[in-house]
Amino acid sequence: PAKGEFRRVLQILVNLVGNAIRYSPDGSVIKIQVKAESDEVAITVSDQGDGIAIEDQSKIFEKFERLGRSGDGGSGLGLFISRRLAEAMDGSLSVESSPGKGTAFTLKLPARDA
């Protein structure tokens, strides 16, 4: 239902789901929700991890930002690249989170013409 390049969208979703798995405790539930509206489609990946402090939410989209995490194999480029890819497709990538309550990333893309 959305306009976008398949490989770019797949790369973003693989990154979001991978992060949700990496930063959630064992046995957590990770949800993927698709919601179509008249002019856009929103794909939300939500987890039950530790959450991200409000003051850190804008930082996570910066190049090489890992919020002090080390040793988990990440480069700090995934969210930076994902947001750039979303914007290149006339979309957006945003985050909603609060400490202790998990995180939800939402990819919004223009709706395909009917």
PDB file of N, CA and C in Angstrom:
ATOM      1  N   PRO A   1       0.805  -1.220   0.000  1.00  0.00           N
ATOM      2  CA  PRO A   1       0.000   0.000   0.000  1.00  0.00           C
ATOM      3  C   PRO A   1       0.844   1.279   0.000  1.00  0.00           C
ATOM      4  N   ALA A   2       2.187   1.152   0.074  1.00  0.00           N
ATOM      5  CA  ALA A   2       3.045   2.329   0.161  1.00  0.00           C
ATOM      6  C   ALA A   2       3.970   2.432  -1.038  1.00  0.00           C
ATOM      7  N   LYS A   3       4.444   3.665  -1.293  1.00  0.00           N
ATOM      8  CA  LYS A   3       5.457   3.883  -2.323  1.00  0.00           C
ATOM      9  C   LYS A   3       6.824   3.858  -1.650  1.00  0.00           C
ATOM     10  N   GLY A   4       7.723   3.082  -2.220  1.00  0.00           N
ATOM     11  CA  GLY A   4       9.079   3.018  -1.681  1.00  0.00           C
ATOM     12  C   GLY A   4       9.851   1.949  -2.419  1.00  0.00           C
ATOM     13  N   GLU A   5      11.158   2.000  -2.289  1.00  0.00           N
ATOM     14  CA  GLU A   5      12.009   1.000  -2.919  1.00  0.00           C
ATOM     15  C   GLU A   5      12.099  -0.220  -2.010  1.00  0.00           C
ATOM     16  N   PHE A   6      11.786  -1.382  -2.558  1.00  0.00           N
ATOM     17  CA  PHE A   6      11.716  -2.617  -1.777  1.00  0.00           C
ATOM     18  C   PHE A   6      12.972  -2.825  -0.925  1.00  0.00           C
ATOM     19  N   ARG A   7      14.142  -2.748  -1.533  1.00  0.00           N
ATOM     20  CA  ARG A   7      15.379  -3.025  -0.794  1.00  0.00           C
ATOM     21  C   ARG A   7      15.636  -2.018   0.325  1.00  0.00           C
ATOM     22  N   ARG A   8      15.298  -0.772   0.074  1.00  0.00           N
ATOM     23  CA  ARG A   8      15.482   0.245   1.118  1.00  0.00           C
ATOM     24  C   ARG A   8      14.539  -0.005   2.295  1.00  0.00           C
ATOM     25  N   VAL A   9      13.275  -0.284   1.978  1.00  0.00           N
ATOM     26  CA  VAL A   9      12.299  -0.556   3.041  1.00  0.00           C
ATOM     27  C   VAL A   9      12.711  -1.798   3.814  1.00  0.00           C
ATOM     28  N   LEU A  10      13.127  -2.832   3.103  1.00  0.00           N
ATOM     29  CA  LEU A  10      13.584  -4.058   3.761  1.00  0.00           C
ATOM     30  C   LEU A  10      14.775  -3.785   4.667  1.00  0.00           C
ATOM     31  N   GLN A  11      15.738  -2.996   4.207  1.00  0.00           N
ATOM     32  CA  GLN A  11      16.907  -2.664   5.022  1.00  0.00           C
ATOM     33  C   GLN A  11      16.491  -1.949   6.309  1.00  0.00           C
ATOM     34  N   ILE A  12      15.564  -1.014   6.203  1.00  0.00           N
ATOM     35  CA  ILE A  12      15.088  -0.293   7.388  1.00  0.00           C
ATOM     36  C   ILE A  12      14.411  -1.258   8.360  1.00  0.00           C
ATOM     37  N   LEU A  13      13.516  -2.097   7.843  1.00  0.00           N
ATOM     38  CA  LEU A  13      12.776  -3.003   8.720  1.00  0.00           C
ATOM     39  C   LEU A  13      13.682  -4.048   9.360  1.00  0.00           C
ATOM     40  N   VAL A  14      14.655  -4.565   8.620  1.00  0.00           N
ATOM     41  CA  VAL A  14      15.610  -5.514   9.196  1.00  0.00           C
ATOM     42  C   VAL A  14      16.389  -4.845  10.324  1.00  0.00           C
ATOM     43  N   ASN A  15      16.777  -3.595  10.132  1.00  0.00           N
ATOM     44  CA  ASN A  15      17.494  -2.870  11.179  1.00  0.00           C
ATOM     45  C   ASN A  15      16.611  -2.667  12.416  1.00  0.00           C
ATOM     46  N   LEU A  16      15.357  -2.255  12.211  1.00  0.00           N
ATOM     47  CA  LEU A  16      14.465  -1.998  13.347  1.00  0.00           C
ATOM     48  C   LEU A  16      14.149  -3.277  14.113  1.00  0.00           C
ATOM     49  N   VAL A  17      13.857  -4.353  13.399  1.00  0.00           N
ATOM     50  CA  VAL A  17      13.559  -5.621  14.066  1.00  0.00           C
ATOM     51  C   VAL A  17      14.818  -6.155  14.756  1.00  0.00           C
ATOM     52  N   GLY A  18      15.968  -6.045  14.103  1.00  0.00           N
ATOM     53  CA  GLY A  18      17.225  -6.485  14.721  1.00  0.00           C
ATOM     54  C   GLY A  18      17.518  -5.735  16.002  1.00  0.00           C
ATOM     55  N   ASN A  19      17.304  -4.425  15.991  1.00  0.00           N
ATOM     56  CA  ASN A  19      17.513  -3.633  17.208  1.00  0.00           C
ATOM     57  C   ASN A  19      16.525  -4.043  18.298  1.00  0.00           C
ATOM     58  N   ALA A  20      15.277  -4.278  17.922  1.00  0.00           N
ATOM     59  CA  ALA A  20      14.266  -4.679  18.908  1.00  0.00           C
ATOM     60  C   ALA A  20      14.670  -5.994  19.566  1.00  0.00           C
ATOM     61  N   ILE A  21      15.169  -6.924  18.775  1.00  0.00           N
ATOM     62  CA  ILE A  21      15.625  -8.204  19.328  1.00  0.00           C
ATOM     63  C   ILE A  21      16.841  -7.996  20.227  1.00  0.00           C
ATOM     64  N   ARG A  22      17.786  -7.213  19.750  1.00  0.00           N
ATOM     65  CA  ARG A  22      19.043  -6.997  20.482  1.00  0.00           C
ATOM     66  C   ARG A  22      18.821  -6.328  21.835  1.00  0.00           C
ATOM     67  N   TYR A  23      17.894  -5.376  21.897  1.00  0.00           N
ATOM     68  CA  TYR A  23      17.741  -4.573  23.111  1.00  0.00           C
ATOM     69  C   TYR A  23      16.536  -4.960  23.968  1.00  0.00           C
ATOM     70  N   SER A  24      15.921  -6.097  23.681  1.00  0.00           N
ATOM     71  CA  SER A  24      14.806  -6.572  24.494  1.00  0.00           C
ATOM     72  C   SER A  24      15.229  -7.801  25.291  1.00  0.00           C
ATOM     73  N   PRO A  25      14.669  -7.987  26.475  1.00  0.00           N
ATOM     74  CA  PRO A  25      15.000  -9.178  27.253  1.00  0.00           C
ATOM     75  C   PRO A  25      14.478 -10.448  26.588  1.00  0.00           C
ATOM     76  N   ASP A  26      15.100 -11.564  26.902  1.00  0.00           N
ATOM     77  CA  ASP A  26      14.638 -12.854  26.376  1.00  0.00           C
ATOM     78  C   ASP A  26      13.166 -13.050  26.707  1.00  0.00           C
ATOM     79  N   GLY A  27      12.429 -13.625  25.779  1.00  0.00           N
ATOM     80  CA  GLY A  27      11.015 -13.891  25.987  1.00  0.00           C
ATOM     81  C   GLY A  27      10.101 -12.710  25.701  1.00  0.00           C
ATOM     82  N   SER A  28      10.668 -11.606  25.239  1.00  0.00           N
ATOM     83  CA  SER A  28       9.860 -10.420  24.936  1.00  0.00           C
ATOM     84  C   SER A  28       9.039 -10.621  23.674  1.00  0.00           C
ATOM     85  N   VAL A  29       8.029  -9.792  23.531  1.00  0.00           N
ATOM     86  CA  VAL A  29       7.207  -9.770  22.333  1.00  0.00           C
ATOM     87  C   VAL A  29       7.598  -8.546  21.520  1.00  0.00           C
ATOM     88  N   ILE A  30       7.847  -8.771  20.233  1.00  0.00           N
ATOM     89  CA  ILE A  30       8.130  -7.681  19.311  1.00  0.00           C
ATOM     90  C   ILE A  30       6.978  -7.644  18.320  1.00  0.00           C
ATOM     91  N   LYS A  31       6.389  -6.469  18.151  1.00  0.00           N
ATOM     92  CA  LYS A  31       5.217  -6.332  17.280  1.00  0.00           C
ATOM     93  C   LYS A  31       5.556  -5.486  16.061  1.00  0.00           C
ATOM     94  N   ILE A  32       4.986  -5.883  14.928  1.00  0.00           N
ATOM     95  CA  ILE A  32       5.076  -5.103  13.702  1.00  0.00           C
ATOM     96  C   ILE A  32       3.638  -4.794  13.300  1.00  0.00           C
ATOM     97  N   GLN A  33       3.331  -3.511  13.195  1.00  0.00           N
ATOM     98  CA  GLN A  33       1.969  -3.087  12.873  1.00  0.00           C
ATOM     99  C   GLN A  33       2.011  -2.208  11.630  1.00  0.00           C
ATOM    100  N   VAL A  34       1.103  -2.446  10.704  1.00  0.00           N
ATOM    101  CA  VAL A  34       0.982  -1.637   9.493  1.00  0.00           C
ATOM    102  C   VAL A  34      -0.367  -0.938   9.532  1.00  0.00           C
ATOM    103  N   LYS A  35      -0.327   0.373   9.325  1.00  0.00           N
ATOM    104  CA  LYS A  35      -1.562   1.156   9.348  1.00  0.00           C
ATOM    105  C   LYS A  35      -1.584   2.046   8.106  1.00  0.00           C
ATOM    106  N   ALA A  36      -2.592   1.858   7.273  1.00  0.00           N
ATOM    107  CA  ALA A  36      -2.729   2.646   6.050  1.00  0.00           C
ATOM    108  C   ALA A  36      -3.745   3.755   6.261  1.00  0.00           C
ATOM    109  N   GLU A  37      -3.342   4.959   5.898  1.00  0.00           N
ATOM    110  CA  GLU A  37      -4.242   6.104   5.914  1.00  0.00           C
ATOM    111  C   GLU A  37      -4.352   6.609   4.481  1.00  0.00           C
ATOM    112  N   SER A  38      -5.087   7.663   4.258  1.00  0.00           N
ATOM    113  CA  SER A  38      -5.327   8.108   2.888  1.00  0.00           C
ATOM    114  C   SER A  38      -4.061   8.546   2.161  1.00  0.00           C
ATOM    115  N   ASP A  39      -3.152   9.215   2.851  1.00  0.00           N
ATOM    116  CA  ASP A  39      -1.975   9.745   2.164  1.00  0.00           C
ATOM    117  C   ASP A  39      -0.655   9.127   2.600  1.00  0.00           C
ATOM    118  N   GLU A  40      -0.680   8.235   3.598  1.00  0.00           N
ATOM    119  CA  GLU A  40       0.562   7.602   4.035  1.00  0.00           C
ATOM    120  C   GLU A  40       0.296   6.249   4.683  1.00  0.00           C
ATOM    121  N   VAL A  41       1.375   5.478   4.761  1.00  0.00           N
ATOM    122  CA  VAL A  41       1.337   4.175   5.409  1.00  0.00           C
ATOM    123  C   VAL A  41       2.372   4.209   6.529  1.00  0.00           C
ATOM    124  N   ALA A  42       1.989   3.747   7.710  1.00  0.00           N
ATOM    125  CA  ALA A  42       2.899   3.716   8.859  1.00  0.00           C
ATOM    126  C   ALA A  42       3.173   2.264   9.236  1.00  0.00           C
ATOM    127  N   ILE A  43       4.452   1.934   9.353  1.00  0.00           N
ATOM    128  CA  ILE A  43       4.876   0.614   9.803  1.00  0.00           C
ATOM    129  C   ILE A  43       5.597   0.825  11.122  1.00  0.00           C
ATOM    130  N   THR A  44       5.058   0.243  12.195  1.00  0.00           N
ATOM    131  CA  THR A  44       5.615   0.433  13.529  1.00  0.00           C
ATOM    132  C   THR A  44       6.187  -0.881  14.047  1.00  0.00           C
ATOM    133  N   VAL A  45       7.433  -0.805  14.525  1.00  0.00           N
ATOM    134  CA  VAL A  45       8.089  -1.940  15.176  1.00  0.00           C
ATOM    135  C   VAL A  45       8.237  -1.562  16.644  1.00  0.00           C
ATOM    136  N   SER A  46       7.592  -2.333  17.522  1.00  0.00           N
ATOM    137  CA  SER A  46       7.646  -2.011  18.952  1.00  0.00           C
ATOM    138  C   SER A  46       8.206  -3.190  19.740  1.00  0.00           C
ATOM    139  N   ASP A  47       8.876  -2.853  20.830  1.00  0.00           N
ATOM    140  CA  ASP A  47       9.501  -3.881  21.663  1.00  0.00           C
ATOM    141  C   ASP A  47       9.188  -3.648  23.128  1.00  0.00           C
ATOM    142  N   GLN A  48       9.669  -4.555  23.967  1.00  0.00           N
ATOM    143  CA  GLN A  48       9.465  -4.473  25.416  1.00  0.00           C
ATOM    144  C   GLN A  48      10.801  -4.284  26.132  1.00  0.00           C
ATOM    145  N   GLY A  49      11.717  -3.575  25.472  1.00  0.00           N
ATOM    146  CA  GLY A  49      13.037  -3.339  26.046  1.00  0.00           C
ATOM    147  C   GLY A  49      13.020  -2.288  27.141  1.00  0.00           C
ATOM    148  N   ASP A  50      14.221  -1.826  27.493  1.00  0.00           N
ATOM    149  CA  ASP A  50      14.381  -0.853  28.577  1.00  0.00           C
ATOM    150  C   ASP A  50      13.850   0.526  28.245  1.00  0.00           C
ATOM    151  N   GLY A  51      13.678   0.822  26.956  1.00  0.00           N
ATOM    152  CA  GLY A  51      13.229   2.151  26.557  1.00  0.00           C
ATOM    153  C   GLY A  51      14.394   3.107  26.421  1.00  0.00           C
ATOM    154  N   ILE A  52      14.096   4.291  25.906  1.00  0.00           N
ATOM    155  CA  ILE A  52      15.104   5.311  25.650  1.00  0.00           C
ATOM    156  C   ILE A  52      14.644   6.598  26.311  1.00  0.00           C
ATOM    157  N   ALA A  53      15.519   7.219  27.073  1.00  0.00           N
ATOM    158  CA  ALA A  53      15.194   8.479  27.738  1.00  0.00           C
ATOM    159  C   ALA A  53      14.851   9.543  26.694  1.00  0.00           C
ATOM    160  N   ILE A  54      13.943  10.433  27.041  1.00  0.00           N
ATOM    161  CA  ILE A  54      13.494  11.475  26.121  1.00  0.00           C
ATOM    162  C   ILE A  54      14.668  12.290  25.600  1.00  0.00           C
ATOM    163  N   GLU A  55      15.611  12.624  26.449  1.00  0.00           N
ATOM    164  CA  GLU A  55      16.744  13.453  26.019  1.00  0.00           C
ATOM    165  C   GLU A  55      17.685  12.721  25.062  1.00  0.00           C
ATOM    166  N   ASP A  56      17.589  11.398  25.006  1.00  0.00           N
ATOM    167  CA  ASP A  56      18.442  10.618  24.109  1.00  0.00           C
ATOM    168  C   ASP A  56      17.764  10.260  22.783  1.00  0.00           C
ATOM    169  N   GLN A  57      16.475  10.498  22.668  1.00  0.00           N
ATOM    170  CA  GLN A  57      15.737  10.037  21.493  1.00  0.00           C
ATOM    171  C   GLN A  57      16.174  10.723  20.201  1.00  0.00           C
ATOM    172  N   SER A  58      16.556  11.981  20.239  1.00  0.00           N
ATOM    173  CA  SER A  58      17.034  12.626  19.016  1.00  0.00           C
ATOM    174  C   SER A  58      18.467  12.202  18.701  1.00  0.00           C
ATOM    175  N   LYS A  59      19.240  11.852  19.717  1.00  0.00           N
ATOM    176  CA  LYS A  59      20.641  11.457  19.522  1.00  0.00           C
ATOM    177  C   LYS A  59      20.781  10.141  18.770  1.00  0.00           C
ATOM    178  N   ILE A  60      19.834   9.224  18.940  1.00  0.00           N
ATOM    179  CA  ILE A  60      20.001   7.882  18.363  1.00  0.00           C
ATOM    180  C   ILE A  60      20.018   7.882  16.848  1.00  0.00           C
ATOM    181  N   PHE A  61      19.573   8.964  16.222  1.00  0.00           N
ATOM    182  CA  PHE A  61      19.588   9.049  14.763  1.00  0.00           C
ATOM    183  C   PHE A  61      20.866   9.709  14.242  1.00  0.00           C
ATOM    184  N   GLU A  62      21.789  10.050  15.151  1.00  0.00           N
ATOM    185  CA  GLU A  62      23.055  10.656  14.744  1.00  0.00           C
ATOM    186  C   GLU A  62      24.058   9.573  14.354  1.00  0.00           C
ATOM    187  N   LYS A  63      24.972   9.940  13.484  1.00  0.00           N
ATOM    188  CA  LYS A  63      25.995   9.014  13.003  1.00  0.00           C
ATOM    189  C   LYS A  63      26.867   8.539  14.162  1.00  0.00           C
ATOM    190  N   PHE A  64      27.083   7.238  14.260  1.00  0.00           N
ATOM    191  CA  PHE A  64      27.929   6.561  15.247  1.00  0.00           C
ATOM    192  C   PHE A  64      27.402   6.632  16.683  1.00  0.00           C
ATOM    193  N   GLU A  65      26.170   7.056  16.885  1.00  0.00           N
ATOM    194  CA  GLU A  65      25.618   7.143  18.246  1.00  0.00           C
ATOM    195  C   GLU A  65      25.142   5.776  18.704  1.00  0.00           C
ATOM    196  N   ARG A  66      25.587   5.397  19.895  1.00  0.00           N
ATOM    197  CA  ARG A  66      25.186   4.104  20.450  1.00  0.00           C
ATOM    198  C   ARG A  66      24.761   4.240  21.905  1.00  0.00           C
ATOM    199  N   LEU A  67      24.585   5.454  22.382  1.00  0.00           N
ATOM    200  CA  LEU A  67      24.162   5.733  23.754  1.00  0.00           C
ATOM    201  C   LEU A  67      25.014   5.006  24.787  1.00  0.00           C
ATOM    202  N   GLY A  68      26.322   4.997  24.541  1.00  0.00           N
ATOM    203  CA  GLY A  68      27.237   4.417  25.511  1.00  0.00           C
ATOM    204  C   GLY A  68      27.327   2.911  25.493  1.00  0.00           C
ATOM    205  N   ARG A  69      26.581   2.257  24.597  1.00  0.00           N
ATOM    206  CA  ARG A  69      26.634   0.786  24.516  1.00  0.00           C
ATOM    207  C   ARG A  69      27.897   0.384  23.773  1.00  0.00           C
ATOM    208  N   SER A  70      28.486  -0.697  24.220  1.00  0.00           N
ATOM    209  CA  SER A  70      29.646  -1.228  23.503  1.00  0.00           C
ATOM    210  C   SER A  70      29.639  -2.741  23.618  1.00  0.00           C
ATOM    211  N   GLY A  71      30.329  -3.378  22.695  1.00  0.00           N
ATOM    212  CA  GLY A  71      30.476  -4.819  22.765  1.00  0.00           C
ATOM    213  C   GLY A  71      29.317  -5.625  22.224  1.00  0.00           C
ATOM    214  N   ASP A  72      28.314  -4.974  21.610  1.00  0.00           N
ATOM    215  CA  ASP A  72      27.193  -5.747  21.078  1.00  0.00           C
ATOM    216  C   ASP A  72      27.252  -5.877  19.560  1.00  0.00           C
ATOM    217  N   GLY A  73      28.358  -5.456  18.968  1.00  0.00           N
ATOM    218  CA  GLY A  73      28.542  -5.630  17.536  1.00  0.00           C
ATOM    219  C   GLY A  73      27.958  -4.538  16.668  1.00  0.00           C
ATOM    220  N   GLY A  74      27.294  -3.564  17.237  1.00  0.00           N
ATOM    221  CA  GLY A  74      26.701  -2.490  16.437  1.00  0.00           C
ATOM    222  C   GLY A  74      27.713  -1.412  16.111  1.00  0.00           C
ATOM    223  N   SER A  75      27.458  -0.688  15.020  1.00  0.00           N
ATOM    224  CA  SER A  75      28.371   0.377  14.593  1.00  0.00           C
ATOM    225  C   SER A  75      27.837   1.767  14.908  1.00  0.00           C
ATOM    226  N   GLY A  76      26.571   1.873  15.277  1.00  0.00           N
ATOM    227  CA  GLY A  76      25.986   3.186  15.504  1.00  0.00           C
ATOM    228  C   GLY A  76      25.568   3.866  14.215  1.00  0.00           C
ATOM    229  N   LEU A  77      25.452   3.105  13.128  1.00  0.00           N
ATOM    230  CA  LEU A  77      25.047   3.676  11.843  1.00  0.00           C
ATOM    231  C   LEU A  77      23.651   3.248  11.413  1.00  0.00           C
ATOM    232  N   GLY A  78      23.102   2.206  11.994  1.00  0.00           N
ATOM    233  CA  GLY A  78      21.841   1.644  11.530  1.00  0.00           C
ATOM    234  C   GLY A  78      20.691   2.630  11.513  1.00  0.00           C
ATOM    235  N   LEU A  79      20.443   3.316  12.603  1.00  0.00           N
ATOM    236  CA  LEU A  79      19.321   4.253  12.649  1.00  0.00           C
ATOM    237  C   LEU A  79      19.598   5.505  11.825  1.00  0.00           C
ATOM    238  N   PHE A  80      20.861   5.925  11.792  1.00  0.00           N
ATOM    239  CA  PHE A  80      21.247   7.066  10.962  1.00  0.00           C
ATOM    240  C   PHE A  80      20.930   6.760   9.494  1.00  0.00           C
ATOM    241  N   ILE A  81      21.382   5.608   9.023  1.00  0.00           N
ATOM    242  CA  ILE A  81      21.146   5.207   7.637  1.00  0.00           C
ATOM    243  C   ILE A  81      19.649   4.984   7.389  1.00  0.00           C
ATOM    244  N   SER A  82      18.977   4.341   8.317  1.00  0.00           N
ATOM    245  CA  SER A  82      17.546   4.073   8.154  1.00  0.00           C
ATOM    246  C   SER A  82      16.752   5.364   7.992  1.00  0.00           C
ATOM    247  N   ARG A  83      17.057   6.361   8.791  1.00  0.00           N
ATOM    248  CA  ARG A  83      16.327   7.628   8.680  1.00  0.00           C
ATOM    249  C   ARG A  83      16.623   8.293   7.334  1.00  0.00           C
ATOM    250  N   ARG A  84      17.870   8.253   6.918  1.00  0.00           N
ATOM    251  CA  ARG A  84      18.240   8.847   5.616  1.00  0.00           C
ATOM    252  C   ARG A  84      17.515   8.133   4.472  1.00  0.00           C
ATOM    253  N   LEU A  85      17.438   6.801   4.534  1.00  0.00           N
ATOM    254  CA  LEU A  85      16.734   6.047   3.499  1.00  0.00           C
ATOM    255  C   LEU A  85      15.247   6.413   3.485  1.00  0.00           C
ATOM    256  N   ALA A  86      14.644   6.511   4.661  1.00  0.00           N
ATOM    257  CA  ALA A  86      13.227   6.883   4.742  1.00  0.00           C
ATOM    258  C   ALA A  86      12.994   8.254   4.109  1.00  0.00           C
ATOM    259  N   GLU A  87      13.846   9.200   4.429  1.00  0.00           N
ATOM    260  CA  GLU A  87      13.696  10.550   3.891  1.00  0.00           C
ATOM    261  C   GLU A  87      13.923  10.572   2.378  1.00  0.00           C
ATOM    262  N   ALA A  88      14.823   9.723   1.869  1.00  0.00           N
ATOM    263  CA  ALA A  88      15.073   9.651   0.429  1.00  0.00           C
ATOM    264  C   ALA A  88      13.847   9.129  -0.330  1.00  0.00           C
ATOM    265  N   MET A  89      12.957   8.418   0.364  1.00  0.00           N
ATOM    266  CA  MET A  89      11.724   7.915  -0.243  1.00  0.00           C
ATOM    267  C   MET A  89      10.531   8.811   0.099  1.00  0.00           C
ATOM    268  N   ASP A  90      10.806  10.062   0.508  1.00  0.00           N
ATOM    269  CA  ASP A  90       9.769  11.022   0.908  1.00  0.00           C
ATOM    270  C   ASP A  90       8.993  10.564   2.131  1.00  0.00           C
ATOM    271  N   GLY A  91       9.667   9.819   3.000  1.00  0.00           N
ATOM    272  CA  GLY A  91       9.042   9.335   4.225  1.00  0.00           C
ATOM    273  C   GLY A  91       9.749   9.874   5.454  1.00  0.00           C
ATOM    274  N   SER A  92       9.521   9.198   6.579  1.00  0.00           N
ATOM    275  CA  SER A  92      10.144   9.612   7.837  1.00  0.00           C
ATOM    276  C   SER A  92      10.332   8.394   8.730  1.00  0.00           C
ATOM    277  N   LEU A  93      11.219   8.535   9.691  1.00  0.00           N
ATOM    278  CA  LEU A  93      11.428   7.509  10.708  1.00  0.00           C
ATOM    279  C   LEU A  93      11.468   8.214  12.053  1.00  0.00           C
ATOM    280  N   SER A  94      10.591   7.797  12.957  1.00  0.00           N
ATOM    281  CA  SER A  94      10.505   8.448  14.263  1.00  0.00           C
ATOM    282  C   SER A  94      10.513   7.399  15.372  1.00  0.00           C
ATOM    283  N   VAL A  95      10.686   7.872  16.601  1.00  0.00           N
ATOM    284  CA  VAL A  95      10.733   6.988  17.760  1.00  0.00           C
ATOM    285  C   VAL A  95       9.811   7.525  18.846  1.00  0.00           C
ATOM    286  N   GLU A  96       9.186   6.604  19.566  1.00  0.00           N
ATOM    287  CA  GLU A  96       8.437   6.917  20.788  1.00  0.00           C
ATOM    288  C   GLU A  96       8.894   5.928  21.839  1.00  0.00           C
ATOM    289  N   SER A  97       9.279   6.440  22.988  1.00  0.00           N
ATOM    290  CA  SER A  97       9.793   5.559  24.019  1.00  0.00           C
ATOM    291  C   SER A  97       9.777   6.259  25.367  1.00  0.00           C
ATOM    292  N   SER A  98       9.778   5.448  26.400  1.00  0.00           N
ATOM    293  CA  SER A  98       9.989   5.964  27.741  1.00  0.00           C
ATOM    294  C   SER A  98      10.687   4.868  28.541  1.00  0.00           C
ATOM    295  N   PRO A  99      11.585   5.268  29.417  1.00  0.00           N
ATOM    296  CA  PRO A  99      12.352   4.276  30.174  1.00  0.00           C
ATOM    297  C   PRO A  99      11.457   3.262  30.877  1.00  0.00           C
ATOM    298  N   GLY A 100      11.806   1.989  30.719  1.00  0.00           N
ATOM    299  CA  GLY A 100      11.073   0.903  31.350  1.00  0.00           C
ATOM    300  C   GLY A 100       9.812   0.466  30.629  1.00  0.00           C
ATOM    301  N   LYS A 101       9.476   1.124  29.525  1.00  0.00           N
ATOM    302  CA  LYS A 101       8.215   0.813  28.845  1.00  0.00           C
ATOM    303  C   LYS A 101       8.393   0.432  27.386  1.00  0.00           C
ATOM    304  N   GLY A 102       9.603   0.146  26.957  1.00  0.00           N
ATOM    305  CA  GLY A 102       9.823  -0.268  25.579  1.00  0.00           C
ATOM    306  C   GLY A 102       9.942   0.895  24.620  1.00  0.00           C
ATOM    307  N   THR A 103      10.110   0.544  23.346  1.00  0.00           N
ATOM    308  CA  THR A 103      10.339   1.528  22.298  1.00  0.00           C
ATOM    309  C   THR A 103       9.535   1.150  21.069  1.00  0.00           C
ATOM    310  N   ALA A 104       9.053   2.170  20.362  1.00  0.00           N
ATOM    311  CA  ALA A 104       8.348   1.959  19.092  1.00  0.00           C
ATOM    312  C   ALA A 104       8.950   2.882  18.043  1.00  0.00           C
ATOM    313  N   PHE A 105       9.422   2.292  16.957  1.00  0.00           N
ATOM    314  CA  PHE A 105       9.920   3.056  15.819  1.00  0.00           C
ATOM    315  C   PHE A 105       8.858   2.991  14.734  1.00  0.00           C
ATOM    316  N   THR A 106       8.572   4.141  14.108  1.00  0.00           N
ATOM    317  CA  THR A 106       7.564   4.188  13.061  1.00  0.00           C
ATOM    318  C   THR A 106       8.166   4.730  11.772  1.00  0.00           C
ATOM    319  N   LEU A 107       8.065   3.910  10.731  1.00  0.00           N
ATOM    320  CA  LEU A 107       8.458   4.291   9.383  1.00  0.00           C
ATOM    321  C   LEU A 107       7.194   4.724   8.659  1.00  0.00           C
ATOM    322  N   LYS A 108       7.182   5.946   8.159  1.00  0.00           N
ATOM    323  CA  LYS A 108       6.034   6.444   7.394  1.00  0.00           C
ATOM    324  C   LYS A 108       6.483   6.661   5.954  1.00  0.00           C
ATOM    325  N   LEU A 109       5.658   6.179   5.036  1.00  0.00           N
ATOM    326  CA  LEU A 109       5.915   6.316   3.607  1.00  0.00           C
ATOM    327  C   LEU A 109       4.659   6.816   2.918  1.00  0.00           C
ATOM    328  N   PRO A 110       4.816   7.510   1.788  1.00  0.00           N
ATOM    329  CA  PRO A 110       3.635   7.965   1.059  1.00  0.00           C
ATOM    330  C   PRO A 110       2.803   6.766   0.590  1.00  0.00           C
ATOM    331  N   ALA A 111       1.510   6.920   0.612  1.00  0.00           N
ATOM    332  CA  ALA A 111       0.612   5.871   0.139  1.00  0.00           C
ATOM    333  C   ALA A 111       0.695   5.783  -1.380  1.00  0.00           C
ATOM    334  N   ARG A 112       0.581   4.561  -1.865  1.00  0.00           N
ATOM    335  CA  ARG A 112       0.575   4.343  -3.302  1.00  0.00           C
ATOM    336  C   ARG A 112      -0.721   4.899  -3.883  1.00  0.00           C
ATOM    337  N   ASP A 113      -0.644   5.453  -5.084  1.00  0.00           N
ATOM    338  CA  ASP A 113      -1.839   5.961  -5.757  1.00  0.00           C
ATOM    339  C   ASP A 113      -2.800   4.815  -6.030  1.00  0.00           C
ATOM    340  N   ALA A 114      -4.046   5.051  -5.762  1.00  0.00           N
ATOM    341  CA  ALA A 114      -5.065   3.990  -5.942  1.00  0.00           C
ATOM    342  C   ALA A 114      -5.341   3.702  -7.392  1.00  0.00           C
TER     343      ALA A 114
END
